[in-house]
Amino acid sequence: MNKTSAQLPFGISRDLAILAISMFIWGLGEGLFIYFYPLSLQRWDSDPVLIGAVLSGLGVTMALVQIPAGYLSDRFGSRPLIRAGSVLGVIAAVIMAFAQNLPLFIIGLTAYSLTSFIVAPINSYITIIRGSWSVQRAMTFISGSMQVGAIVGPMLGGWIAQTAGLAIVFRYSAGLFLIATLIIFFVRPPVTQEAAEPAVSPLANPRFMGLLIIIFFSIIAMSVPQQLTSIYLQKVHHLSFQEIGMTGTLAGVGSAVIMFVLGSLRAPTGMVVGQALVGLFSVLMWRGQNVAVFYSGYLFVGGYRLYRSMALAAARPLVKVSDLGLAYGLVETANAVAMIVAPLMAGFLYDYKPEAVYIFSLVALAIMITLHRLLLPNKREVNPASG
């Protein structure tokens, strides 16, 4: 943990607070467009299969950068990578804002997907500077802060898209990303404290590698129903841009509440709860017939973020501090590879029958929840504040 970090109210360290403010603003900027970029691809007459292929391509990009980013974070520090990823996000938003054709827009979207290399370093940074908080509490706090920003973003983005066009949305995002980047430059380098830890490398640890396999299939099950839901709601149920934007706002509200309220759960329990919440989302999308039901469903989609934070917390006791970046990079690689598979599956399932996306997710989640209960121990965390 960080030995020198000043403590603010509720035991929040100074750097954790600065990071939370930056992530709040970043969440607002990302929330403006994140629910609309599949619709942005449709501006150039892309069909669901092509859109699924593009999203899978983004997953390839995300998968390729995670392990190198984690390794570099361990060797050279997490802060330089966090700064670089933030600057790249600004550049990517500018490219998407001014793209006049599909290839250029995809370049911008790919550049934004490259910013995912920030995830392992930032989670490593959070783990070290979290002070007296548990890993899951600190991670869900930062994720929840980002989600609070995302509450307003989609609703505002929907209004902007409806009145001024989708391209303008990305210009506002670029401005917000710039502000968030300037703030994040004020965080200090982390100071680590040695503790008794596993001596085995993550790659040689069968418990850690088994956890990666479980995470991989769970992310697929939770990601498939989210990929093309904006198109599903527009084409099948005829929701407007503003109504789709409102679903994103409600997703932000639900995610923030989920992260702040459930962030202190034990990691294995939190992983199961996260999957169950996404299952509720799938049920309501599948069976819903009006806007109110779809709005309700988006209150539960934050279970996906809860699962990811809890998965990292479950991985932490299996590795040493000096391997945190690599371990988190491996977890994010499992997530990213799952995101290569999930959009393609969603595209083909949707092309066959739109509702099949949600039926598949429910069956897969039932299987994965059962495996989690059988294979992951639910022991109380002995020393939450340790490294």
Protein backbone atom coordinates (compact mmCIF):
# COMPACT_ATOMS: atom_id res chain seq x y z
CA MET A 1 0.00 0.00 0.00
CA ASN A 2 1.05 3.64 -0.20
CA LYS A 3 2.95 4.65 2.93
CA THR A 4 2.97 8.39 2.29
CA SER A 5 -0.45 9.17 0.86
CA ALA A 6 -2.44 11.77 2.81
CA GLN A 7 -5.82 10.63 4.03
CA LEU A 8 -9.02 12.55 3.24
CA PRO A 9 -12.44 11.94 4.85
CA PHE A 10 -13.61 8.29 4.83
CA GLY A 11 -10.00 7.13 4.51
CA ILE A 12 -9.66 8.18 0.87
CA SER A 13 -6.06 8.84 -0.14
CA ARG A 14 -5.22 12.10 -1.94
CA ASP A 15 -4.23 10.41 -5.19
CA LEU A 16 -7.28 8.14 -5.16
CA ALA A 17 -9.46 11.26 -4.86
CA ILE A 18 -7.70 12.99 -7.78
CA LEU A 19 -8.05 9.84 -9.87
CA ALA A 20 -11.75 9.66 -9.01
CA ILE A 21 -12.32 13.25 -10.19
CA SER A 22 -10.50 12.58 -13.46
CA MET A 23 -12.46 9.36 -14.03
CA PHE A 24 -15.73 11.17 -13.31
CA ILE A 25 -15.02 13.65 -16.11
CA TRP A 26 -13.76 10.89 -18.41
CA GLY A 27 -16.95 8.93 -17.76
CA LEU A 28 -18.99 11.97 -18.74
CA GLY A 29 -17.06 12.29 -22.01
CA GLU A 30 -17.23 8.59 -22.83
CA GLY A 31 -20.90 8.46 -21.88
CA LEU A 32 -21.68 11.01 -24.59
CA PHE A 33 -20.88 8.52 -27.37
CA ILE A 34 -20.38 5.00 -25.99
CA TYR A 35 -23.99 3.93 -26.61
CA PHE A 36 -24.04 5.49 -30.07
CA TYR A 37 -20.94 4.29 -31.90
CA PRO A 38 -22.71 1.19 -33.32
CA LEU A 39 -25.25 3.68 -34.72
CA SER A 40 -22.37 5.83 -35.97
CA LEU A 41 -21.15 2.84 -37.97
CA GLN A 42 -24.61 2.59 -39.51
CA ARG A 43 -24.16 6.04 -41.04
CA TRP A 44 -22.18 4.24 -43.76
CA ASP A 45 -24.80 1.49 -44.25
CA SER A 46 -23.02 -1.16 -42.18
CA ASP A 47 -25.08 -4.31 -41.49
CA PRO A 48 -25.15 -6.10 -38.08
CA VAL A 49 -22.57 -8.72 -39.15
CA LEU A 50 -20.13 -6.03 -40.34
CA ILE A 51 -20.66 -4.03 -37.16
CA GLY A 52 -20.05 -7.17 -35.12
CA ALA A 53 -16.84 -7.77 -37.09
CA VAL A 54 -15.65 -4.20 -36.44
CA LEU A 55 -16.34 -4.56 -32.73
CA SER A 56 -14.47 -7.86 -32.72
CA GLY A 57 -11.56 -6.13 -34.40
CA LEU A 58 -11.53 -3.66 -31.54
CA GLY A 59 -11.37 -6.63 -29.22
CA VAL A 60 -8.26 -7.87 -31.06
CA THR A 61 -6.63 -4.49 -30.53
CA MET A 62 -7.52 -4.51 -26.85
CA ALA A 63 -6.21 -8.04 -26.42
CA LEU A 64 -2.84 -7.27 -27.99
CA VAL A 65 -1.98 -4.34 -25.70
CA GLN A 66 -2.90 -5.66 -22.25
CA ILE A 67 0.05 -7.90 -21.39
CA PRO A 68 2.70 -5.52 -22.78
CA ALA A 69 1.07 -2.64 -20.87
CA GLY A 70 1.02 -4.66 -17.66
CA TYR A 71 4.66 -5.68 -18.10
CA LEU A 72 5.75 -2.10 -18.81
CA SER A 73 3.77 -0.93 -15.79
CA ASP A 74 5.72 -3.30 -13.55
CA ARG A 75 9.05 -2.27 -15.04
CA PHE A 76 8.71 1.49 -15.53
CA GLY A 77 5.78 2.50 -13.32
CA SER A 78 2.05 2.83 -13.89
CA ARG A 79 1.81 6.64 -13.99
CA PRO A 80 3.54 7.24 -17.37
CA LEU A 81 1.24 4.71 -19.05
CA ILE A 82 -1.84 6.25 -17.45
CA ARG A 83 -0.82 9.64 -18.83
CA ALA A 84 -0.10 8.26 -22.31
CA GLY A 85 -3.44 6.47 -22.49
CA SER A 86 -5.30 9.62 -21.51
CA VAL A 87 -3.59 11.68 -24.22
CA LEU A 88 -4.37 8.99 -26.81
CA GLY A 89 -8.04 9.11 -25.82
CA VAL A 90 -8.18 12.81 -26.65
CA ILE A 91 -6.60 12.20 -30.06
CA ALA A 92 -8.99 9.32 -30.82
CA ALA A 93 -12.06 11.40 -30.00
CA VAL A 94 -10.84 14.17 -32.30
CA ILE A 95 -10.38 11.69 -35.18
CA MET A 96 -13.90 10.27 -34.70
CA ALA A 97 -15.35 13.77 -34.48
CA PHE A 98 -14.00 14.84 -37.86
CA ALA A 99 -14.15 11.53 -39.75
CA GLN A 100 -15.86 11.88 -43.13
CA ASN A 101 -15.82 8.20 -44.09
CA LEU A 102 -16.02 4.76 -42.51
CA PRO A 103 -12.29 3.87 -42.67
CA LEU A 104 -11.26 7.08 -40.88
CA PHE A 105 -13.95 6.62 -38.25
CA ILE A 106 -12.74 3.05 -37.65
CA ILE A 107 -9.18 4.38 -37.26
CA GLY A 108 -10.43 6.73 -34.53
CA LEU A 109 -12.45 3.97 -32.91
CA THR A 110 -9.42 1.67 -33.02
CA ALA A 111 -7.26 4.37 -31.46
CA TYR A 112 -9.81 4.70 -28.67
CA SER A 113 -9.77 0.94 -28.14
CA LEU A 114 -5.97 1.18 -27.81
CA THR A 115 -6.50 3.35 -24.73
CA SER A 116 -7.61 0.16 -23.00
CA PHE A 117 -3.90 -0.42 -22.28
CA ILE A 118 -4.46 2.03 -19.42
CA VAL A 119 -6.60 -0.49 -17.55
CA ALA A 120 -3.89 -2.73 -16.09
CA PRO A 121 -1.64 0.18 -15.05
CA ILE A 122 -4.51 2.11 -13.50
CA ASN A 123 -5.74 -0.92 -11.57
CA SER A 124 -2.19 -1.59 -10.40
CA TYR A 125 -1.94 2.05 -9.32
CA ILE A 126 -5.25 1.86 -7.43
CA THR A 127 -4.16 -1.32 -5.65
CA ILE A 128 -0.98 0.32 -4.37
CA ILE A 129 -2.34 3.76 -3.35
CA ARG A 130 -5.67 2.59 -1.90
CA GLY A 131 -4.65 3.18 1.73
CA SER A 132 -6.73 1.24 4.26
CA TRP A 133 -9.39 0.24 1.75
CA SER A 134 -9.75 -3.29 0.37
CA VAL A 135 -8.85 -3.85 -3.28
CA GLN A 136 -12.48 -4.32 -4.33
CA ARG A 137 -13.63 -1.25 -2.40
CA ALA A 138 -11.00 0.97 -4.05
CA MET A 139 -11.62 -0.41 -7.54
CA THR A 140 -15.38 -0.17 -7.33
CA PHE A 141 -15.04 3.39 -5.95
CA ILE A 142 -13.06 4.51 -9.01
CA SER A 143 -15.34 2.61 -11.38
CA GLY A 144 -18.37 4.06 -9.60
CA SER A 145 -16.94 7.58 -9.92
CA MET A 146 -16.63 7.05 -13.66
CA GLN A 147 -20.20 5.78 -13.77
CA VAL A 148 -21.50 8.87 -11.97
CA GLY A 149 -20.02 10.87 -14.83
CA ALA A 150 -21.64 8.48 -17.28
CA ILE A 151 -25.10 9.17 -15.85
CA VAL A 152 -25.48 12.51 -17.61
CA GLY A 153 -23.39 11.65 -20.67
CA PRO A 154 -25.71 9.35 -22.64
CA MET A 155 -28.81 11.50 -22.13
CA LEU A 156 -26.88 14.61 -23.17
CA GLY A 157 -25.27 12.71 -26.04
CA GLY A 158 -28.69 11.58 -27.27
CA TRP A 159 -29.96 15.16 -27.25
CA ILE A 160 -26.87 16.41 -29.10
CA ALA A 161 -27.13 13.60 -31.67
CA GLN A 162 -30.83 14.30 -32.19
CA THR A 163 -30.35 18.04 -32.68
CA ALA A 164 -26.85 18.47 -34.14
CA GLY A 165 -25.76 15.04 -35.37
CA LEU A 166 -23.59 12.22 -34.07
CA ALA A 167 -20.31 13.79 -35.23
CA ILE A 168 -20.76 16.75 -32.86
CA VAL A 169 -21.05 14.38 -29.92
CA PHE A 170 -17.42 13.31 -30.35
CA ARG A 171 -16.22 16.93 -30.30
CA TYR A 172 -17.68 17.44 -26.84
CA SER A 173 -16.14 14.13 -25.75
CA ALA A 174 -12.71 15.27 -26.90
CA GLY A 175 -12.99 18.43 -24.80
CA LEU A 176 -13.98 16.52 -21.68
CA PHE A 177 -11.20 13.97 -22.23
CA LEU A 178 -8.72 16.86 -22.38
CA ILE A 179 -9.88 18.20 -19.00
CA ALA A 180 -9.71 14.72 -17.44
CA THR A 181 -6.19 14.26 -18.83
CA LEU A 182 -4.96 17.54 -17.35
CA ILE A 183 -6.29 16.52 -13.92
CA ILE A 184 -4.74 13.05 -14.02
CA PHE A 185 -1.30 14.61 -14.46
CA PHE A 186 -1.51 15.67 -10.78
CA VAL A 187 -1.42 12.14 -9.35
CA ARG A 188 1.89 11.20 -7.70
CA PRO A 189 4.04 8.11 -8.27
CA PRO A 190 2.93 5.16 -6.10
CA VAL A 191 5.10 4.02 -3.17
CA THR A 192 4.95 0.28 -2.50
CA GLN A 193 5.48 -1.65 0.71
CA GLU A 194 6.87 -5.16 0.71
CA ALA A 195 4.72 -7.93 2.21
CA ALA A 196 4.65 -11.73 2.37
CA GLU A 197 3.29 -12.81 -1.03
CA PRO A 198 3.17 -15.74 -3.46
CA ALA A 199 6.58 -16.31 -5.05
CA VAL A 200 5.20 -17.95 -8.20
CA SER A 201 4.81 -15.99 -11.42
CA PRO A 202 1.17 -15.52 -12.52
CA LEU A 203 1.86 -17.58 -15.65
CA ALA A 204 3.07 -20.50 -13.51
CA ASN A 205 0.23 -20.30 -10.99
CA PRO A 206 -2.51 -22.85 -11.81
CA ARG A 207 -5.03 -21.13 -9.50
CA PHE A 208 -4.50 -17.82 -11.29
CA MET A 209 -4.70 -19.39 -14.75
CA GLY A 210 -7.87 -21.27 -13.78
CA LEU A 211 -9.40 -17.97 -12.67
CA LEU A 212 -8.54 -16.47 -16.08
CA ILE A 213 -10.47 -19.24 -17.86
CA ILE A 214 -13.54 -18.65 -15.70
CA ILE A 215 -13.32 -14.89 -16.30
CA PHE A 216 -13.01 -15.39 -20.06
CA PHE A 217 -16.23 -17.37 -20.46
CA SER A 218 -18.13 -15.18 -18.01
CA ILE A 219 -17.20 -12.01 -19.92
CA ILE A 220 -18.49 -13.58 -23.13
CA ALA A 221 -21.79 -14.45 -21.45
CA MET A 222 -22.17 -10.91 -20.11
CA SER A 223 -20.91 -9.07 -23.21
CA VAL A 224 -23.01 -10.72 -25.91
CA PRO A 225 -26.33 -9.11 -24.88
CA GLN A 226 -24.78 -5.63 -24.69
CA GLN A 227 -23.15 -5.45 -28.13
CA LEU A 228 -26.09 -4.65 -30.42
CA THR A 229 -28.81 -3.65 -27.98
CA SER A 230 -28.86 -0.02 -29.19
CA ILE A 231 -29.60 -1.30 -32.72
CA TYR A 232 -32.14 -3.80 -31.34
CA LEU A 233 -33.99 -1.06 -29.50
CA GLN A 234 -33.97 1.25 -32.51
CA LYS A 235 -34.83 -1.28 -35.25
CA VAL A 236 -37.09 -3.73 -33.42
CA HIS A 237 -38.75 -1.49 -30.81
CA HIS A 238 -38.34 1.88 -32.60
CA LEU A 239 -36.74 3.88 -29.81
CA SER A 240 -35.42 7.34 -30.75
CA PHE A 241 -31.86 8.58 -30.26
CA GLN A 242 -32.95 10.44 -27.14
CA GLU A 243 -34.67 7.36 -25.71
CA ILE A 244 -31.59 5.25 -26.39
CA GLY A 245 -29.49 7.94 -24.76
CA MET A 246 -31.73 7.75 -21.72
CA THR A 247 -31.03 4.02 -21.41
CA GLY A 248 -27.36 4.90 -21.14
CA THR A 249 -28.07 7.45 -18.43
CA LEU A 250 -30.03 4.87 -16.46
CA ALA A 251 -27.20 2.40 -16.97
CA GLY A 252 -24.88 4.98 -15.42
CA VAL A 253 -27.21 5.47 -12.46
CA GLY A 254 -27.56 1.74 -11.93
CA SER A 255 -23.82 1.12 -12.33
CA ALA A 256 -22.88 3.85 -9.87
CA VAL A 257 -25.33 2.55 -7.26
CA ILE A 258 -24.18 -1.04 -7.80
CA MET A 259 -20.50 -0.15 -7.49
CA PHE A 260 -20.87 2.01 -4.38
CA VAL A 261 -23.39 -0.21 -2.57
CA LEU A 262 -21.94 -3.63 -3.44
CA GLY A 263 -18.26 -2.69 -3.62
CA SER A 264 -17.45 -4.23 -0.23
CA LEU A 265 -18.73 -7.71 -1.08
CA ARG A 266 -16.23 -10.55 -0.99
CA ALA A 267 -14.81 -10.97 -4.45
CA PRO A 268 -16.33 -14.41 -5.31
CA THR A 269 -19.77 -13.28 -4.09
CA GLY A 270 -19.49 -10.05 -6.06
CA MET A 271 -18.63 -11.98 -9.22
CA VAL A 272 -21.79 -14.09 -8.90
CA VAL A 273 -23.96 -11.06 -8.11
CA GLY A 274 -22.58 -9.20 -11.12
CA GLN A 275 -23.51 -12.04 -13.46
CA ALA A 276 -26.98 -12.34 -11.96
CA LEU A 277 -27.59 -8.62 -12.53
CA VAL A 278 -26.60 -8.89 -16.20
CA GLY A 279 -28.98 -11.86 -16.42
CA LEU A 280 -31.80 -9.55 -15.28
CA PHE A 281 -30.80 -7.12 -18.01
CA SER A 282 -31.04 -9.88 -20.63
CA VAL A 283 -34.45 -11.01 -19.40
CA LEU A 284 -35.88 -7.50 -19.56
CA MET A 285 -34.45 -6.82 -23.02
CA TRP A 286 -35.77 -10.17 -24.30
CA ARG A 287 -39.27 -9.98 -22.82
CA GLY A 288 -39.75 -6.22 -22.67
CA GLN A 289 -42.31 -4.57 -24.90
CA ASN A 290 -42.17 -0.92 -23.85
CA VAL A 291 -39.72 1.81 -23.01
CA ALA A 292 -40.28 1.57 -19.24
CA VAL A 293 -39.18 -2.07 -19.17
CA PHE A 294 -36.09 -1.36 -21.27
CA TYR A 295 -35.20 1.53 -18.98
CA SER A 296 -35.54 -0.80 -15.99
CA GLY A 297 -33.24 -3.34 -17.64
CA TYR A 298 -30.42 -0.84 -17.98
CA LEU A 299 -30.38 -0.31 -14.22
CA PHE A 300 -28.85 -3.80 -13.94
CA VAL A 301 -26.27 -3.74 -16.74
CA GLY A 302 -23.72 -2.37 -14.26
CA GLY A 303 -23.34 -5.91 -12.98
CA TYR A 304 -20.77 -6.29 -15.79
CA ARG A 305 -18.53 -3.63 -14.24
CA LEU A 306 -19.03 -5.06 -10.77
CA TYR A 307 -17.90 -8.45 -12.05
CA ARG A 308 -14.75 -7.04 -13.65
CA SER A 309 -13.71 -5.17 -10.49
CA MET A 310 -14.39 -8.21 -8.33
CA ALA A 311 -12.43 -10.45 -10.73
CA LEU A 312 -9.37 -8.25 -10.28
CA ALA A 313 -9.82 -8.36 -6.50
CA ALA A 314 -10.03 -12.16 -6.69
CA ALA A 315 -6.77 -12.22 -8.64
CA ARG A 316 -4.84 -9.92 -6.26
CA PRO A 317 -4.06 -12.51 -3.49
CA LEU A 318 -2.63 -14.89 -6.10
CA VAL A 319 0.23 -12.60 -7.19
CA LYS A 320 2.96 -10.39 -5.69
CA VAL A 321 3.04 -6.60 -5.93
CA SER A 322 5.93 -6.63 -8.40
CA ASP A 323 3.78 -8.72 -10.78
CA LEU A 324 0.55 -6.75 -10.35
CA GLY A 325 0.74 -5.07 -13.76
CA LEU A 326 1.41 -8.37 -15.53
CA ALA A 327 -1.36 -10.14 -13.61
CA TYR A 328 -3.90 -7.42 -14.28
CA GLY A 329 -2.74 -7.33 -17.89
CA LEU A 330 -3.46 -11.05 -18.18
CA VAL A 331 -6.93 -10.54 -16.69
CA GLU A 332 -7.63 -7.72 -19.12
CA THR A 333 -6.32 -9.87 -21.98
CA ALA A 334 -8.85 -12.54 -21.03
CA ASN A 335 -11.50 -9.81 -21.06
CA ALA A 336 -10.31 -8.50 -24.42
CA VAL A 337 -10.14 -11.91 -26.09
CA ALA A 338 -13.68 -12.51 -24.86
CA MET A 339 -14.60 -9.22 -26.51
CA ILE A 340 -13.26 -10.55 -29.81
CA VAL A 341 -15.65 -13.49 -29.60
CA ALA A 342 -18.68 -11.73 -28.12
CA PRO A 343 -19.42 -9.18 -30.91
CA LEU A 344 -19.09 -11.83 -33.61
CA MET A 345 -21.43 -14.13 -31.71
CA ALA A 346 -23.84 -11.25 -31.15
CA GLY A 347 -23.78 -10.32 -34.84
CA PHE A 348 -24.58 -13.82 -36.06
CA LEU A 349 -27.15 -14.45 -33.32
CA TYR A 350 -28.84 -11.13 -34.07
CA ASP A 351 -28.84 -11.85 -37.81
CA TYR A 352 -30.53 -15.18 -37.10
CA LYS A 353 -33.04 -13.75 -34.61
CA PRO A 354 -32.55 -10.60 -32.50
CA GLU A 355 -33.96 -12.22 -29.35
CA ALA A 356 -31.47 -15.12 -29.62
CA VAL A 357 -28.76 -12.80 -28.27
CA TYR A 358 -30.49 -12.64 -24.88
CA ILE A 359 -31.50 -16.29 -24.74
CA PHE A 360 -27.89 -17.34 -25.32
CA SER A 361 -26.69 -15.00 -22.58
CA LEU A 362 -29.15 -16.38 -20.02
CA VAL A 363 -28.15 -19.98 -20.67
CA ALA A 364 -24.43 -19.16 -20.56
CA LEU A 365 -24.79 -17.12 -17.36
CA ALA A 366 -26.66 -19.94 -15.61
CA ILE A 367 -23.76 -22.28 -16.40
CA MET A 368 -21.06 -19.80 -15.33
CA ILE A 369 -22.77 -18.86 -12.06
CA THR A 370 -22.91 -22.55 -11.17
CA LEU A 371 -19.20 -22.94 -11.95
CA HIS A 372 -18.33 -19.89 -9.85
CA ARG A 373 -20.15 -21.31 -6.85
CA LEU A 374 -18.41 -24.66 -7.25
CA LEU A 375 -14.86 -23.59 -8.08
CA LEU A 376 -14.16 -20.27 -6.36
CA PRO A 377 -13.73 -20.26 -2.56
CA ASN A 378 -15.60 -17.53 -0.70
CA LYS A 379 -13.19 -16.90 2.14
CA ARG A 380 -13.13 -13.72 4.19
CA GLU A 381 -10.33 -11.35 3.25
CA VAL A 382 -7.72 -11.65 5.99
CA ASN A 383 -5.91 -8.33 5.56
CA PRO A 384 -7.64 -5.93 3.16
CA ALA A 385 -5.00 -3.27 3.49
CA SER A 386 -2.03 -5.42 2.56
CA GLY A 387 -0.09 -4.65 -0.68
